[in-house]
Amino acid sequence: MHDIWKLLKNVRVVVFMLWCVAVGLSTGLLWQFLFWHLEDLASANEGCEMRAWIKTLQGLVSGVQCFGGELPFLFISG
């Protein structure tokens, strides 16, 4: 426990931890807004056939974000 307090006394470590929390919260907010926006688009459509596929569309969007956006950059960054 003594080593943890020594680590938390370093300002750079605390700023980095706060930055990671802020970026994580912002990313989560953005992803949830995307799902909310997709559901609004589906309900704004007059036909109900799109409403049945909205969860599949949200899953595909999440998969494309992960496998098409994040995963290649994790391999590139090493």
Protein backbone atom coordinates (compact mmCIF):
# COMPACT_ATOMS: atom_id res chain seq x y z
CA MET A 1 0.00 0.00 0.00
CA HIS A 2 2.95 2.27 0.68
CA ASP A 3 4.12 1.92 -2.93
CA ILE A 4 0.68 2.85 -4.25
CA TRP A 5 0.66 6.08 -2.26
CA LYS A 6 4.16 6.85 -3.51
CA LEU A 7 2.92 6.34 -7.07
CA LEU A 8 -0.17 8.50 -6.54
CA LYS A 9 1.98 11.36 -5.24
CA ASN A 10 3.40 11.74 -8.73
CA VAL A 11 1.33 14.39 -10.53
CA ARG A 12 1.97 12.93 -13.97
CA VAL A 13 0.52 9.57 -12.92
CA VAL A 14 -2.61 11.18 -11.46
CA VAL A 15 -3.14 13.33 -14.55
CA PHE A 16 -2.71 10.27 -16.77
CA MET A 17 -5.26 8.31 -14.73
CA LEU A 18 -7.76 11.16 -14.84
CA TRP A 19 -7.21 11.52 -18.59
CA CYS A 20 -7.86 7.79 -19.11
CA VAL A 21 -11.10 8.01 -17.11
CA ALA A 22 -12.24 11.09 -19.04
CA VAL A 23 -11.52 9.49 -22.42
CA GLY A 24 -13.26 6.27 -21.36
CA LEU A 25 -16.36 8.15 -20.22
CA SER A 26 -16.44 10.16 -23.43
CA THR A 27 -16.10 7.06 -25.58
CA GLY A 28 -18.88 5.30 -23.69
CA LEU A 29 -21.12 8.34 -24.05
CA LEU A 30 -20.44 8.51 -27.77
CA TRP A 31 -21.20 4.81 -28.31
CA GLN A 32 -24.45 5.02 -26.35
CA PHE A 33 -25.49 8.13 -28.27
CA LEU A 34 -24.84 6.24 -31.51
CA PHE A 35 -27.22 3.45 -30.45
CA TRP A 36 -29.81 6.02 -29.36
CA HIS A 37 -29.47 7.81 -32.70
CA LEU A 38 -29.88 4.56 -34.66
CA GLU A 39 -33.07 3.75 -32.75
CA ASP A 40 -34.41 7.25 -33.42
CA LEU A 41 -33.70 6.83 -37.12
CA ALA A 42 -35.48 3.48 -37.15
CA SER A 43 -38.55 4.81 -35.33
CA ALA A 44 -38.69 7.93 -37.53
CA ASN A 45 -39.15 5.66 -40.54
CA GLU A 46 -42.84 5.14 -41.32
CA GLY A 47 -42.49 1.43 -41.98
CA CYS A 48 -42.08 -1.01 -39.09
CA GLU A 49 -39.88 -3.44 -40.99
CA MET A 50 -36.72 -1.53 -40.02
CA ARG A 51 -37.63 -1.63 -36.33
CA ALA A 52 -37.31 -5.43 -36.26
CA TRP A 53 -33.68 -5.26 -37.44
CA ILE A 54 -32.44 -2.41 -35.25
CA LYS A 55 -30.66 -4.63 -32.70
CA THR A 56 -28.90 -6.50 -35.50
CA LEU A 57 -27.84 -3.19 -37.01
CA GLN A 58 -26.53 -1.98 -33.66
CA GLY A 59 -24.52 -5.18 -33.26
CA LEU A 60 -23.05 -4.81 -36.73
CA VAL A 61 -22.11 -1.19 -36.06
CA SER A 62 -20.41 -2.21 -32.82
CA GLY A 63 -18.56 -5.03 -34.61
CA VAL A 64 -17.35 -2.74 -37.38
CA GLN A 65 -16.14 -0.22 -34.80
CA CYS A 66 -14.16 -2.90 -32.98
CA PHE A 67 -12.81 -5.03 -35.82
CA GLY A 68 -12.51 -2.33 -38.47
CA GLY A 69 -11.45 0.61 -36.35
CA GLU A 70 -9.77 -0.45 -33.12
CA LEU A 71 -8.23 -3.85 -33.79
CA PRO A 72 -5.97 -2.85 -36.72
CA PHE A 73 -4.61 0.13 -34.79
CA LEU A 74 -3.86 -2.04 -31.77
CA PHE A 75 -1.74 -4.29 -34.01
CA ILE A 76 -0.07 -1.31 -35.71
CA SER A 77 0.80 0.33 -32.41
CA GLY A 78 2.56 -2.79 -31.18
